Amino acid sequence: MAKIKNTLPITINWEGVHKREVYLDSQVKKYKWTIGVEVGVRFGQTLFYLLDNNPKLKMYAVDIDISQFFNNDVAKQYGDRLVVLSGDSSAQAENILEKVDFVFIDAGHSKKSVLKDIEAYRKIVKTTQGVLGHDIDYPSIQEALKISNIEYDVCPDNVWQQKN
């Protein structure tokens, strides 16, 4: 899977730090989001930043290998604000039985994987601007968004966000 080495030009007005977790945090605050999903958590950098900076935020964390970020200390620290789902990313959407304010898609980066995640998760998101993802500099992700008829903005740190 080829990756373009340079980031794409940002298409939004942004003067903040160019880190995905900072941008997502700004959106959580702007839209007063209280329930989110991170699909593809890896080590939890974005997840923990959002939870630490938004005390009323509940997050679903979906990853095939939760051992990279989840343990008893994490469970104790975040309690019922963190729901961890282990397994295939698109299949786990069925285990979220409530509408969410946003989903951040950053699991498999193949066109097929991204298409499956978009299809699975945008059904449970309340509004279009709540559909976001990472690594828009990957051609496979650009293709998946085109096939899904998603118009998007390029945001800091290669984040994409569906336009209204």
Foldseek 3Di string as FASTA:
>chain_A
DDFDPDADDFPDDDDDDQDPLVVVLVVCVVVVFAEEEEQAQQQPPSVVSNCVSDVRHAYEYEEQDCVNHDDPVVCVVNPRSYHYDHDQRLVCLVVDPAAGQAYEYEYDQALVSLLSNCVRRVVRHPDQQRYKYARLRDPSNVVNCVVVVFDWGQHGRRMTGGDD
